[in-house]
N, C-alpha and C. Protein backbone atom coordinates (compact mmCIF):
# COMPACT_ATOMS: atom_id res chain seq x y z
N MET A 1 -13.03 14.00 -4.07
CA MET A 1 -13.46 14.86 -5.16
C MET A 1 -12.70 16.18 -5.10
N HIS A 2 -12.59 16.81 -6.24
CA HIS A 2 -12.02 18.14 -6.33
C HIS A 2 -13.09 19.11 -6.81
N HIS A 3 -12.97 20.35 -6.36
CA HIS A 3 -13.92 21.40 -6.72
C HIS A 3 -13.13 22.62 -7.14
N VAL A 4 -13.70 23.39 -8.05
CA VAL A 4 -13.13 24.67 -8.45
C VAL A 4 -14.17 25.74 -8.15
N ALA A 5 -13.80 26.69 -7.30
CA ALA A 5 -14.66 27.82 -6.97
C ALA A 5 -14.17 29.01 -7.78
N ILE A 6 -15.04 29.53 -8.62
CA ILE A 6 -14.69 30.67 -9.47
C ILE A 6 -15.23 31.92 -8.79
N MET A 7 -14.31 32.84 -8.54
CA MET A 7 -14.59 34.01 -7.72
C MET A 7 -14.71 35.27 -8.58
N ASN A 8 -15.38 36.27 -8.04
CA ASN A 8 -15.46 37.59 -8.67
C ASN A 8 -14.16 38.32 -8.33
N PRO A 9 -13.35 38.67 -9.33
CA PRO A 9 -12.06 39.29 -9.02
C PRO A 9 -12.17 40.63 -8.30
N SER A 10 -13.26 41.35 -8.50
CA SER A 10 -13.39 42.67 -7.86
C SER A 10 -13.53 42.55 -6.34
N TRP A 11 -13.91 41.37 -5.85
CA TRP A 11 -14.08 41.18 -4.41
C TRP A 11 -12.77 40.89 -3.69
N LYS A 12 -11.73 40.52 -4.43
CA LYS A 12 -10.38 40.30 -3.86
C LYS A 12 -10.40 39.33 -2.67
N LEU A 13 -11.06 38.19 -2.85
CA LEU A 13 -11.22 37.24 -1.75
C LEU A 13 -10.12 36.18 -1.68
N ILE A 14 -9.45 35.89 -2.78
CA ILE A 14 -8.46 34.82 -2.75
C ILE A 14 -7.32 35.12 -1.78
N PRO A 15 -6.77 36.34 -1.72
CA PRO A 15 -5.76 36.60 -0.69
C PRO A 15 -6.29 36.39 0.73
N LYS A 16 -7.57 36.66 0.95
CA LYS A 16 -8.17 36.45 2.27
C LYS A 16 -8.30 34.96 2.59
N ILE A 17 -8.52 34.15 1.56
CA ILE A 17 -8.56 32.70 1.77
C ILE A 17 -7.17 32.19 2.14
N ILE A 18 -6.17 32.62 1.38
CA ILE A 18 -4.79 32.17 1.63
C ILE A 18 -4.33 32.58 3.03
N SER A 19 -4.68 33.78 3.45
CA SER A 19 -4.25 34.26 4.77
C SER A 19 -5.04 33.63 5.92
N GLY A 20 -6.18 33.01 5.62
CA GLY A 20 -7.02 32.42 6.65
C GLY A 20 -8.09 33.37 7.18
N GLU A 21 -8.08 34.63 6.73
CA GLU A 21 -9.10 35.58 7.17
C GLU A 21 -10.48 35.11 6.74
N LYS A 22 -10.58 34.60 5.51
CA LYS A 22 -11.83 34.02 5.00
C LYS A 22 -11.71 32.51 5.17
N SER A 23 -12.39 31.98 6.18
CA SER A 23 -12.27 30.55 6.48
C SER A 23 -13.51 29.76 6.06
N ILE A 24 -14.51 30.45 5.53
CA ILE A 24 -15.70 29.79 5.01
C ILE A 24 -16.00 30.33 3.62
N GLU A 25 -16.13 29.44 2.65
CA GLU A 25 -16.61 29.82 1.33
C GLU A 25 -18.11 29.59 1.32
N SER A 26 -18.86 30.59 0.88
CA SER A 26 -20.32 30.46 0.85
C SER A 26 -20.81 30.54 -0.59
N ARG A 27 -21.84 29.79 -0.84
CA ARG A 27 -22.54 29.85 -2.12
C ARG A 27 -24.01 30.00 -1.80
N TRP A 28 -24.62 31.00 -2.39
CA TRP A 28 -26.03 31.36 -2.16
C TRP A 28 -26.77 31.18 -3.48
N TYR A 29 -27.77 30.31 -3.50
CA TYR A 29 -28.43 29.95 -4.75
C TYR A 29 -29.95 30.03 -4.64
N ARG A 30 -30.59 30.23 -5.79
CA ARG A 30 -32.05 30.17 -5.88
C ARG A 30 -32.51 28.72 -6.11
N THR A 31 -31.63 27.88 -6.64
CA THR A 31 -31.93 26.47 -6.88
C THR A 31 -30.81 25.62 -6.31
N LYS A 32 -31.09 24.35 -6.07
CA LYS A 32 -30.03 23.45 -5.60
C LYS A 32 -29.12 23.14 -6.78
N ARG A 33 -27.86 23.52 -6.63
CA ARG A 33 -26.87 23.23 -7.68
C ARG A 33 -25.55 22.91 -7.02
N THR A 34 -24.64 22.38 -7.82
CA THR A 34 -23.35 22.00 -7.26
C THR A 34 -22.70 23.18 -6.54
N PRO A 35 -22.21 22.97 -5.35
CA PRO A 35 -21.85 21.69 -4.72
C PRO A 35 -22.89 21.09 -3.78
N TRP A 36 -24.15 21.51 -3.84
CA TRP A 36 -25.19 20.99 -2.95
C TRP A 36 -25.20 19.45 -3.02
N ASN A 37 -25.02 18.81 -1.88
CA ASN A 37 -24.98 17.34 -1.76
C ASN A 37 -23.88 16.67 -2.59
N ARG A 38 -22.89 17.46 -3.05
CA ARG A 38 -21.82 16.87 -3.85
C ARG A 38 -20.44 17.15 -3.26
N ILE A 39 -20.38 17.71 -2.08
CA ILE A 39 -19.12 18.04 -1.45
C ILE A 39 -19.08 17.41 -0.07
N LYS A 40 -17.90 16.95 0.33
CA LYS A 40 -17.80 16.33 1.65
C LYS A 40 -16.45 16.65 2.29
N LYS A 41 -16.41 16.43 3.59
CA LYS A 41 -15.19 16.64 4.34
C LYS A 41 -14.06 15.83 3.70
N GLY A 42 -12.89 16.48 3.56
CA GLY A 42 -11.74 15.83 2.95
C GLY A 42 -11.56 16.16 1.47
N ASP A 43 -12.59 16.67 0.82
CA ASP A 43 -12.45 17.11 -0.57
C ASP A 43 -11.50 18.31 -0.63
N ALA A 44 -11.05 18.63 -1.82
CA ALA A 44 -10.19 19.81 -2.03
C ALA A 44 -10.94 20.83 -2.88
N VAL A 45 -10.78 22.11 -2.52
CA VAL A 45 -11.36 23.20 -3.31
C VAL A 45 -10.21 24.05 -3.84
N PHE A 46 -10.23 24.27 -5.15
CA PHE A 46 -9.27 25.14 -5.81
C PHE A 46 -9.99 26.45 -6.12
N PHE A 47 -9.28 27.56 -5.97
CA PHE A 47 -9.89 28.87 -6.15
C PHE A 47 -9.23 29.61 -7.29
N LYS A 48 -10.06 30.24 -8.12
CA LYS A 48 -9.57 31.08 -9.21
C LYS A 48 -10.53 32.24 -9.39
N ASN A 49 -9.98 33.35 -9.82
CA ASN A 49 -10.82 34.47 -10.23
C ASN A 49 -11.30 34.20 -11.64
N SER A 50 -12.45 34.73 -11.99
CA SER A 50 -12.99 34.59 -13.33
C SER A 50 -11.96 35.10 -14.34
N GLY A 51 -11.69 34.29 -15.36
CA GLY A 51 -10.76 34.68 -16.41
C GLY A 51 -9.30 34.58 -16.04
N ALA A 52 -9.00 34.01 -14.90
CA ALA A 52 -7.61 33.93 -14.41
C ALA A 52 -7.28 32.48 -14.06
N PRO A 53 -6.00 32.21 -13.80
CA PRO A 53 -5.63 30.84 -13.42
C PRO A 53 -6.00 30.50 -11.98
N VAL A 54 -5.95 29.23 -11.67
CA VAL A 54 -6.14 28.75 -10.30
C VAL A 54 -4.98 29.26 -9.47
N LEU A 55 -5.30 29.88 -8.32
CA LEU A 55 -4.27 30.51 -7.48
C LEU A 55 -4.14 29.90 -6.09
N ALA A 56 -5.19 29.21 -5.62
CA ALA A 56 -5.17 28.73 -4.24
C ALA A 56 -5.88 27.40 -4.12
N ARG A 57 -5.63 26.76 -2.99
CA ARG A 57 -6.23 25.46 -2.70
C ARG A 57 -6.51 25.41 -1.19
N ALA A 58 -7.57 24.70 -0.82
CA ALA A 58 -7.88 24.46 0.60
C ALA A 58 -8.59 23.12 0.73
N ASP A 59 -8.52 22.57 1.92
CA ASP A 59 -9.23 21.33 2.21
C ASP A 59 -10.60 21.65 2.79
N VAL A 60 -11.55 20.77 2.57
CA VAL A 60 -12.89 20.93 3.13
C VAL A 60 -12.89 20.29 4.51
N CYS A 61 -13.16 21.11 5.53
CA CYS A 61 -13.21 20.63 6.92
C CYS A 61 -14.63 20.35 7.39
N ASP A 62 -15.59 21.07 6.81
CA ASP A 62 -16.98 20.91 7.23
C ASP A 62 -17.87 21.52 6.16
N ILE A 63 -19.09 21.03 6.08
CA ILE A 63 -20.09 21.57 5.14
C ILE A 63 -21.38 21.80 5.91
N MET A 64 -21.99 22.93 5.67
CA MET A 64 -23.30 23.24 6.23
C MET A 64 -24.21 23.66 5.08
N GLN A 65 -25.39 23.10 5.02
CA GLN A 65 -26.35 23.44 3.98
C GLN A 65 -27.62 23.96 4.65
N PHE A 66 -28.15 25.04 4.13
CA PHE A 66 -29.32 25.68 4.72
C PHE A 66 -30.39 25.90 3.65
N VAL A 67 -31.63 25.67 4.02
CA VAL A 67 -32.77 26.08 3.22
C VAL A 67 -33.22 27.41 3.80
N ILE A 68 -33.31 28.42 2.95
CA ILE A 68 -33.65 29.78 3.40
C ILE A 68 -35.11 30.05 3.07
N ARG A 69 -35.88 30.32 4.11
CA ARG A 69 -37.32 30.55 3.93
C ARG A 69 -37.67 32.03 3.88
N GLY A 70 -36.69 32.88 4.11
CA GLY A 70 -36.93 34.32 4.07
C GLY A 70 -35.69 35.07 4.50
N ALA A 71 -35.78 36.38 4.48
CA ALA A 71 -34.64 37.23 4.81
C ALA A 71 -34.10 36.95 6.22
N CYS A 72 -34.97 36.59 7.14
CA CYS A 72 -34.52 36.31 8.52
C CYS A 72 -33.55 35.14 8.56
N ASP A 73 -33.82 34.10 7.77
CA ASP A 73 -32.89 32.96 7.72
C ASP A 73 -31.53 33.40 7.19
N ALA A 74 -31.52 34.20 6.13
CA ALA A 74 -30.26 34.69 5.57
C ALA A 74 -29.53 35.55 6.59
N GLU A 75 -30.27 36.39 7.30
CA GLU A 75 -29.66 37.24 8.33
C GLU A 75 -29.06 36.42 9.46
N ASP A 76 -29.71 35.32 9.84
CA ASP A 76 -29.17 34.45 10.88
C ASP A 76 -27.85 33.82 10.44
N ILE A 77 -27.79 33.38 9.20
CA ILE A 77 -26.54 32.79 8.68
C ILE A 77 -25.43 33.84 8.71
N ILE A 78 -25.74 35.04 8.28
CA ILE A 78 -24.75 36.12 8.28
C ILE A 78 -24.33 36.47 9.71
N LEU A 79 -25.27 36.51 10.62
CA LEU A 79 -24.96 36.81 12.01
C LEU A 79 -24.00 35.77 12.60
N ASN A 80 -24.25 34.51 12.30
CA ASN A 80 -23.44 33.43 12.85
C ASN A 80 -22.11 33.19 12.14
N TYR A 81 -22.06 33.44 10.83
CA TYR A 81 -20.88 33.07 10.05
C TYR A 81 -20.29 34.20 9.21
N GLY A 82 -20.91 35.38 9.24
CA GLY A 82 -20.52 36.47 8.35
C GLY A 82 -19.06 36.86 8.39
N LYS A 83 -18.48 36.92 9.59
CA LYS A 83 -17.08 37.32 9.69
C LYS A 83 -16.17 36.33 8.97
N GLU A 84 -16.45 35.05 9.11
CA GLU A 84 -15.64 34.02 8.46
C GLU A 84 -15.89 33.94 6.96
N ILE A 85 -17.08 34.35 6.52
CA ILE A 85 -17.42 34.33 5.09
C ILE A 85 -16.78 35.50 4.36
N CYS A 86 -16.62 36.64 5.04
CA CYS A 86 -16.12 37.88 4.41
C CYS A 86 -17.04 38.33 3.28
N LEU A 87 -18.34 38.37 3.55
CA LEU A 87 -19.29 38.82 2.54
C LEU A 87 -19.01 40.27 2.14
N VAL A 88 -19.19 40.55 0.88
CA VAL A 88 -19.03 41.92 0.39
C VAL A 88 -20.22 42.77 0.82
N GLU A 89 -21.42 42.19 0.80
CA GLU A 89 -22.63 42.89 1.23
C GLU A 89 -23.34 42.05 2.28
N ASN A 90 -23.35 42.53 3.52
CA ASN A 90 -23.92 41.78 4.64
C ASN A 90 -25.42 41.98 4.84
N ASP A 91 -26.06 42.83 4.08
CA ASP A 91 -27.48 43.11 4.26
C ASP A 91 -28.29 42.45 3.15
N PRO A 92 -28.97 41.32 3.46
CA PRO A 92 -29.74 40.62 2.42
C PRO A 92 -30.80 41.48 1.74
N SER A 93 -31.29 42.53 2.42
CA SER A 93 -32.31 43.37 1.80
C SER A 93 -31.74 44.15 0.61
N LEU A 94 -30.41 44.25 0.53
CA LEU A 94 -29.78 44.94 -0.60
C LEU A 94 -29.36 43.99 -1.72
N TRP A 95 -29.56 42.69 -1.51
CA TRP A 95 -29.23 41.72 -2.55
C TRP A 95 -30.30 41.77 -3.64
N HIS A 96 -29.95 41.33 -4.81
CA HIS A 96 -30.90 41.30 -5.94
C HIS A 96 -32.15 40.51 -5.58
N ALA A 97 -31.95 39.33 -4.95
CA ALA A 97 -33.06 38.49 -4.52
C ALA A 97 -32.57 37.66 -3.34
N ILE A 98 -33.50 37.29 -2.49
CA ILE A 98 -33.14 36.42 -1.36
C ILE A 98 -32.97 35.01 -1.90
N PRO A 99 -31.82 34.41 -1.69
CA PRO A 99 -31.61 33.03 -2.17
C PRO A 99 -32.46 32.05 -1.36
N ARG A 100 -32.64 30.87 -1.91
CA ARG A 100 -33.41 29.83 -1.23
C ARG A 100 -32.51 28.80 -0.56
N TYR A 101 -31.24 28.78 -0.98
CA TYR A 101 -30.31 27.79 -0.45
C TYR A 101 -28.96 28.44 -0.18
N CYS A 102 -28.30 27.97 0.86
CA CYS A 102 -26.95 28.45 1.17
C CYS A 102 -26.09 27.24 1.53
N ILE A 103 -24.91 27.21 0.98
CA ILE A 103 -23.92 26.18 1.29
C ILE A 103 -22.71 26.88 1.88
N LEU A 104 -22.30 26.46 3.07
CA LEU A 104 -21.10 26.99 3.69
C LEU A 104 -20.06 25.88 3.73
N VAL A 105 -18.88 26.19 3.24
CA VAL A 105 -17.78 25.23 3.19
C VAL A 105 -16.66 25.77 4.08
N ARG A 106 -16.44 25.11 5.22
CA ARG A 106 -15.36 25.53 6.11
C ARG A 106 -14.05 25.01 5.54
N LEU A 107 -13.09 25.93 5.40
CA LEU A 107 -11.82 25.64 4.74
C LEU A 107 -10.71 25.39 5.75
N GLY A 108 -9.84 24.46 5.43
CA GLY A 108 -8.67 24.21 6.25
C GLY A 108 -7.43 24.15 5.39
N HIS A 109 -6.31 24.43 5.97
CA HIS A 109 -5.00 24.38 5.30
C HIS A 109 -4.98 25.14 3.97
N PRO A 110 -5.46 26.38 3.95
CA PRO A 110 -5.43 27.14 2.69
C PRO A 110 -3.99 27.49 2.31
N CYS A 111 -3.73 27.49 1.01
CA CYS A 111 -2.40 27.86 0.55
C CYS A 111 -2.47 28.30 -0.91
N ALA A 112 -1.47 29.07 -1.31
CA ALA A 112 -1.32 29.43 -2.72
C ALA A 112 -0.79 28.19 -3.45
N VAL A 113 -1.23 27.97 -4.67
CA VAL A 113 -0.67 26.86 -5.45
C VAL A 113 0.73 27.26 -5.89
N SER A 114 1.63 26.30 -5.97
CA SER A 114 3.03 26.62 -6.30
C SER A 114 3.17 27.11 -7.73
N MET A 115 2.36 26.57 -8.63
CA MET A 115 2.39 27.02 -10.03
C MET A 115 0.95 27.23 -10.48
N PRO A 116 0.50 28.49 -10.58
CA PRO A 116 -0.87 28.75 -11.04
C PRO A 116 -1.11 28.11 -12.41
N PHE A 117 -2.35 27.64 -12.62
CA PHE A 117 -2.68 26.98 -13.88
C PHE A 117 -4.10 27.33 -14.30
N HIS A 118 -4.32 27.28 -15.61
CA HIS A 118 -5.65 27.52 -16.16
C HIS A 118 -6.40 26.19 -16.23
N ILE A 119 -7.71 26.28 -16.37
CA ILE A 119 -8.54 25.09 -16.51
C ILE A 119 -9.37 25.17 -17.78
N ASN A 120 -9.85 24.03 -18.23
CA ASN A 120 -10.77 23.95 -19.36
C ASN A 120 -12.17 23.72 -18.80
N LYS A 121 -13.04 24.72 -18.93
CA LYS A 121 -14.41 24.64 -18.40
C LYS A 121 -15.39 24.04 -19.39
N LYS A 122 -14.92 23.60 -20.54
CA LYS A 122 -15.82 23.09 -21.57
C LYS A 122 -16.69 21.97 -20.99
N GLY A 123 -17.98 22.09 -21.23
CA GLY A 123 -18.93 21.10 -20.76
C GLY A 123 -19.59 21.44 -19.44
N PHE A 124 -19.10 22.49 -18.77
CA PHE A 124 -19.68 22.89 -17.49
C PHE A 124 -20.63 24.08 -17.64
N GLY A 125 -20.62 24.72 -18.78
CA GLY A 125 -21.44 25.91 -19.00
C GLY A 125 -20.63 27.17 -18.72
N CYS A 126 -20.77 28.16 -19.58
CA CYS A 126 -19.94 29.36 -19.47
C CYS A 126 -20.21 30.14 -18.18
N GLY A 127 -21.40 29.99 -17.60
CA GLY A 127 -21.72 30.73 -16.39
C GLY A 127 -21.46 29.96 -15.10
N ALA A 128 -20.94 28.74 -15.21
CA ALA A 128 -20.72 27.93 -14.01
C ALA A 128 -19.68 28.59 -13.10
N ALA A 129 -20.04 28.76 -11.84
CA ALA A 129 -19.13 29.38 -10.87
C ALA A 129 -18.58 28.35 -9.87
N TRP A 130 -19.00 27.10 -10.01
CA TRP A 130 -18.48 26.03 -9.15
C TRP A 130 -18.45 24.76 -9.99
N LEU A 131 -17.31 24.12 -10.04
CA LEU A 131 -17.15 22.87 -10.78
C LEU A 131 -16.82 21.76 -9.80
N THR A 132 -17.39 20.59 -10.02
CA THR A 132 -17.08 19.41 -9.22
C THR A 132 -16.58 18.33 -10.16
N ILE A 133 -15.37 17.84 -9.90
CA ILE A 133 -14.75 16.83 -10.75
C ILE A 133 -14.00 15.81 -9.88
N PRO A 134 -13.80 14.61 -10.40
CA PRO A 134 -13.06 13.63 -9.61
C PRO A 134 -11.59 14.04 -9.38
N ASP A 135 -10.98 14.69 -10.39
CA ASP A 135 -9.56 15.03 -10.28
C ASP A 135 -9.29 16.31 -11.08
N ILE A 136 -8.70 17.30 -10.42
CA ILE A 136 -8.40 18.58 -11.08
C ILE A 136 -7.52 18.40 -12.31
N ALA A 137 -6.69 17.36 -12.31
CA ALA A 137 -5.79 17.12 -13.44
C ALA A 137 -6.55 16.91 -14.75
N THR A 138 -7.80 16.47 -14.69
CA THR A 138 -8.57 16.21 -15.91
C THR A 138 -8.98 17.49 -16.63
N ILE A 139 -8.97 18.65 -15.92
CA ILE A 139 -9.35 19.90 -16.58
C ILE A 139 -8.20 20.94 -16.55
N ALA A 140 -7.09 20.58 -15.93
CA ALA A 140 -5.94 21.51 -15.88
C ALA A 140 -5.31 21.62 -17.25
N LEU A 141 -4.93 22.83 -17.62
CA LEU A 141 -4.26 23.05 -18.91
C LEU A 141 -2.77 23.24 -18.69
């Protein structure tokens, strides 16, 4: 499977993924949503900033899924994986709300794509920040 992770451009995380400084992509959710139970070792993740073309790619080396029962659970995840996640805000008490689920995707072989490309998100919802598809070529423009 292929996945597209849509990033907040103000966080400037894609260069950190390419350099290997950010070796875990995290998704924190209030509900179970993709890629929960839809991503596996060996899949590929493509990265793009919102409103921009796909700039990077990495392989999925490992997946960890957590049910968060309170701020302490979120703090434990940050304590154990925060450096690799490169979170912009490490204090869950300052987040809008404590998420109920966390997905950590350990990345391997990160690289810039040779030719950046745009995608067609039609059918995924305008607010979707993670897409799961069988083949990136089906949505590449």
